[in-house]
């Protein structure tokens, strides 16, 4: 088999895998109980092809979680390198992750629940690093209080984000109310100046 043929087959396989993941996001997002056959039909491939890429439902959900993580991480890196206010960058970071969660909350939770032990911590690691850099930046330029360590503040911010998600999932809060509370709590935790109220639906 020629190198050109090998590259083409690898490219075809990667394209097929991406199509299956995209189909899983659509189908499982609408119908969490949908089968692998349903995903295959949405992707326009055979069920055998789906299993060739993902030997189990858990493996497919892990790929979906990786897909969401990559989306949020791409946006988070933009805030990490943005000039200007660390406060605005950090709130933009939180908004980006929250918007994705609000659109796909059930699927994100299902994928996270199916993840192997320690997997969620591994996925959180790059986000924690970005958050820590933003917090340190804010502390160094005087936007954020320096009384507490950046590591502790990041842990508290992650806990707040999880709490907001739990409130929405339990039906005790709407997404708009939860993200507004998350933003206000983050600002107060960091000792930053309060922002002007912004309307959210």
Protein backbone atom coordinates (compact mmCIF):
# COMPACT_ATOMS: atom_id res chain seq x y z
CA UNK A 1 0.00 0.00 0.00
CA UNK A 2 1.45 3.38 -1.00
CA UNK A 3 2.03 6.18 1.47
CA UNK A 4 -0.49 8.32 -0.43
CA UNK A 5 -3.16 5.63 -0.11
CA UNK A 6 -2.39 5.25 3.59
CA UNK A 7 -2.77 8.99 4.17
CA UNK A 8 -6.06 9.07 2.25
CA UNK A 9 -7.49 6.20 4.27
CA UNK A 10 -6.40 7.82 7.49
CA UNK A 11 -8.01 11.08 6.41
CA UNK A 12 -11.23 9.27 5.48
CA UNK A 13 -11.27 7.52 8.85
CA UNK A 14 -10.75 10.80 10.72
CA UNK A 15 -13.53 12.45 8.73
CA UNK A 16 -15.84 9.54 9.47
CA UNK A 17 -15.01 9.72 13.17
CA UNK A 18 -15.74 13.46 13.29
CA UNK A 19 -19.07 12.86 11.54
CA UNK A 20 -20.03 10.26 14.14
CA UNK A 21 -19.16 12.59 17.04
CA UNK A 22 -21.10 15.48 15.47
CA UNK A 23 -24.08 13.17 14.96
CA UNK A 24 -23.87 12.00 18.57
CA UNK A 25 -23.95 15.61 19.79
CA UNK A 26 -27.12 16.25 17.78
CA UNK A 27 -28.93 12.98 18.48
CA UNK A 28 -27.99 12.41 22.12
CA UNK A 29 -28.52 16.09 22.85
CA UNK A 30 -32.15 15.75 21.75
CA UNK A 31 -32.69 12.14 22.88
CA UNK A 32 -30.29 11.00 25.61
CA UNK A 33 -31.57 7.45 25.29
CA UNK A 34 -30.90 7.21 21.55
CA UNK A 35 -29.09 4.09 20.38
CA UNK A 36 -25.80 3.68 18.55
CA UNK A 37 -27.88 2.78 15.50
CA UNK A 38 -29.64 6.15 15.74
CA UNK A 39 -26.26 7.87 15.84
CA UNK A 40 -25.10 5.87 12.83
CA UNK A 41 -28.19 6.84 10.82
CA UNK A 42 -27.70 10.51 11.68
CA UNK A 43 -24.04 10.32 10.66
CA UNK A 44 -24.88 8.51 7.41
CA UNK A 45 -22.69 5.51 8.23
CA UNK A 46 -23.30 1.91 9.25
CA UNK A 47 -23.57 0.85 12.87
CA UNK A 48 -20.43 -1.25 12.31
CA UNK A 49 -18.57 1.92 11.36
CA UNK A 50 -19.64 3.60 14.58
CA UNK A 51 -18.41 0.63 16.61
CA UNK A 52 -15.17 0.57 14.64
CA UNK A 53 -14.43 4.04 15.94
CA UNK A 54 -16.08 3.73 19.34
CA UNK A 55 -16.41 0.18 20.71
CA UNK A 56 -18.89 1.24 23.41
CA UNK A 57 -21.37 3.96 24.28
CA UNK A 58 -18.99 5.10 27.00
CA UNK A 59 -16.21 5.52 24.43
CA UNK A 60 -18.52 7.62 22.25
CA UNK A 61 -19.54 9.78 25.20
CA UNK A 62 -15.87 10.26 26.04
CA UNK A 63 -15.30 11.53 22.50
CA UNK A 64 -18.27 13.88 22.87
CA UNK A 65 -16.78 15.24 26.10
CA UNK A 66 -13.44 15.76 24.32
CA UNK A 67 -15.32 17.59 21.55
CA UNK A 68 -16.97 20.01 23.99
CA UNK A 69 -13.73 20.47 25.91
CA UNK A 70 -11.85 21.41 22.74
CA UNK A 71 -14.54 23.95 21.83
CA UNK A 72 -14.41 25.71 25.17
CA UNK A 73 -10.62 25.52 25.36
CA UNK A 74 -10.23 27.22 21.98
CA UNK A 75 -12.33 30.14 23.19
CA UNK A 76 -10.67 30.17 26.61
CA UNK A 77 -7.22 30.58 25.02
CA UNK A 78 -8.43 33.76 23.34
CA UNK A 79 -9.33 35.25 26.71
CA UNK A 80 -6.03 34.01 28.14
CA UNK A 81 -4.05 36.05 25.61
CA UNK A 82 -6.42 39.04 25.34
CA UNK A 83 -5.10 42.41 26.39
CA UNK A 84 -6.94 44.67 28.80
CA UNK A 85 -8.92 43.91 31.93
CA UNK A 86 -8.27 40.59 33.63
CA UNK A 87 -11.74 40.86 35.14
CA UNK A 88 -13.43 41.15 31.75
CA UNK A 89 -11.31 38.31 30.37
CA UNK A 90 -12.18 36.04 33.28
CA UNK A 91 -15.90 36.78 33.03
CA UNK A 92 -15.74 36.17 29.29
CA UNK A 93 -14.06 32.85 30.02
CA UNK A 94 -16.86 31.89 32.40
CA UNK A 95 -19.53 32.98 29.92
CA UNK A 96 -18.08 30.86 27.12
CA UNK A 97 -18.09 27.69 29.17
CA UNK A 98 -21.51 28.45 30.58
CA UNK A 99 -23.10 29.08 27.19
CA UNK A 100 -21.99 25.65 25.99
CA UNK A 101 -23.24 24.00 29.18
CA UNK A 102 -26.61 25.75 28.88
CA UNK A 103 -27.04 24.49 25.30
CA UNK A 104 -25.95 20.91 26.01
CA UNK A 105 -26.35 20.50 29.77
CA UNK A 106 -27.86 17.01 29.70
CA UNK A 107 -25.32 15.63 27.27
CA UNK A 108 -22.35 17.26 29.01
CA UNK A 109 -23.45 15.79 32.34
CA UNK A 110 -24.03 12.34 30.83
CA UNK A 111 -20.62 12.38 29.15
CA UNK A 112 -18.91 13.54 32.36
CA UNK A 113 -20.71 10.84 34.38
CA UNK A 114 -19.51 8.16 31.95
CA UNK A 115 -15.90 9.34 32.10
CA UNK A 116 -13.34 7.09 33.73
CA UNK A 117 -12.03 8.01 37.20
CA UNK A 118 -9.64 10.93 36.99
CA UNK A 119 -10.67 11.77 33.43
CA UNK A 120 -12.64 14.85 34.46
CA UNK A 121 -9.68 16.16 36.44
CA UNK A 122 -7.45 15.72 33.38
CA UNK A 123 -9.92 17.66 31.24
CA UNK A 124 -10.18 20.43 33.84
CA UNK A 125 -6.40 20.87 34.09
CA UNK A 126 -5.88 23.22 31.08
CA UNK A 127 -8.85 25.34 32.15
CA UNK A 128 -7.52 25.64 35.68
CA UNK A 129 -4.17 26.76 34.27
CA UNK A 130 -5.84 29.50 32.22
CA UNK A 131 -7.98 30.59 35.17
CA UNK A 132 -4.92 30.73 37.39
CA UNK A 133 -3.06 32.93 34.91
CA UNK A 134 -6.05 35.28 34.67
CA UNK A 135 -6.37 35.46 38.45
CA UNK A 136 -2.65 36.12 38.89
CA UNK A 137 -2.80 38.80 36.21
CA UNK A 138 -5.65 40.49 38.04
CA UNK A 139 -3.83 40.28 41.36
CA UNK A 140 -0.63 41.72 39.88
CA UNK A 141 -2.37 44.70 38.30
CA UNK A 142 -4.52 45.39 41.35
CA UNK A 143 -7.88 44.32 39.88
CA UNK A 144 -8.22 41.34 42.23
CA UNK A 145 -7.58 40.98 45.95
CA UNK A 146 -4.24 39.30 46.71
CA UNK A 147 -5.15 38.17 50.24
CA UNK A 148 -5.89 34.61 49.04
CA UNK A 149 -3.72 32.48 46.79
CA UNK A 150 -4.54 32.16 43.10
CA UNK A 151 -4.75 28.38 43.50
CA UNK A 152 -7.43 28.68 46.18
CA UNK A 153 -9.42 31.24 44.19
CA UNK A 154 -9.38 28.99 41.11
CA UNK A 155 -10.63 26.04 43.16
CA UNK A 156 -13.43 28.23 44.51
CA UNK A 157 -14.35 29.49 41.01
CA UNK A 158 -14.59 25.92 39.70
CA UNK A 159 -16.78 24.97 42.66
CA UNK A 160 -19.05 27.96 41.97
CA UNK A 161 -19.42 26.96 38.33
CA UNK A 162 -20.36 23.42 39.33
CA UNK A 163 -22.85 24.75 41.87
CA UNK A 164 -24.50 26.91 39.20
CA UNK A 165 -24.80 23.89 36.94
CA UNK A 166 -26.31 21.78 39.71
CA UNK A 167 -28.92 24.45 40.43
CA UNK A 168 -30.00 24.49 36.79
CA UNK A 169 -30.01 20.70 36.53
CA UNK A 170 -32.13 20.40 39.68
CA UNK A 171 -34.62 22.93 38.32
CA UNK A 172 -34.04 25.36 41.16
CA UNK A 173 -32.71 28.07 38.87
CA UNK A 174 -33.01 29.11 35.25
CA UNK A 175 -29.83 29.37 33.13
CA UNK A 176 -29.96 33.17 32.97
CA UNK A 177 -30.38 33.53 36.72
CA UNK A 178 -27.63 31.01 37.41
CA UNK A 179 -25.04 32.62 35.16
CA UNK A 180 -25.84 36.08 36.57
CA UNK A 181 -25.30 34.69 40.09
CA UNK A 182 -22.10 32.96 38.96
CA UNK A 183 -20.70 36.18 37.52
CA UNK A 184 -21.60 38.23 40.61
CA UNK A 185 -20.19 35.56 42.93
CA UNK A 186 -16.94 35.43 40.94
CA UNK A 187 -16.55 39.20 41.09
CA UNK A 188 -17.14 39.24 44.85
CA UNK A 189 -14.84 36.27 45.47
CA UNK A 190 -12.00 37.98 43.61
CA UNK A 191 -12.59 41.32 45.30
CA UNK A 192 -13.07 43.00 41.93
CA UNK A 193 -15.19 46.04 41.29
CA UNK A 194 -18.86 45.31 40.68
CA UNK A 195 -20.02 45.47 37.08
CA UNK A 196 -22.98 47.25 35.61
CA UNK A 197 -26.02 44.90 35.54
CA UNK A 198 -26.47 43.24 32.20
CA UNK A 199 -29.71 41.73 30.98
CA UNK A 200 -29.77 38.02 30.12
CA UNK A 201 -32.66 35.89 29.01
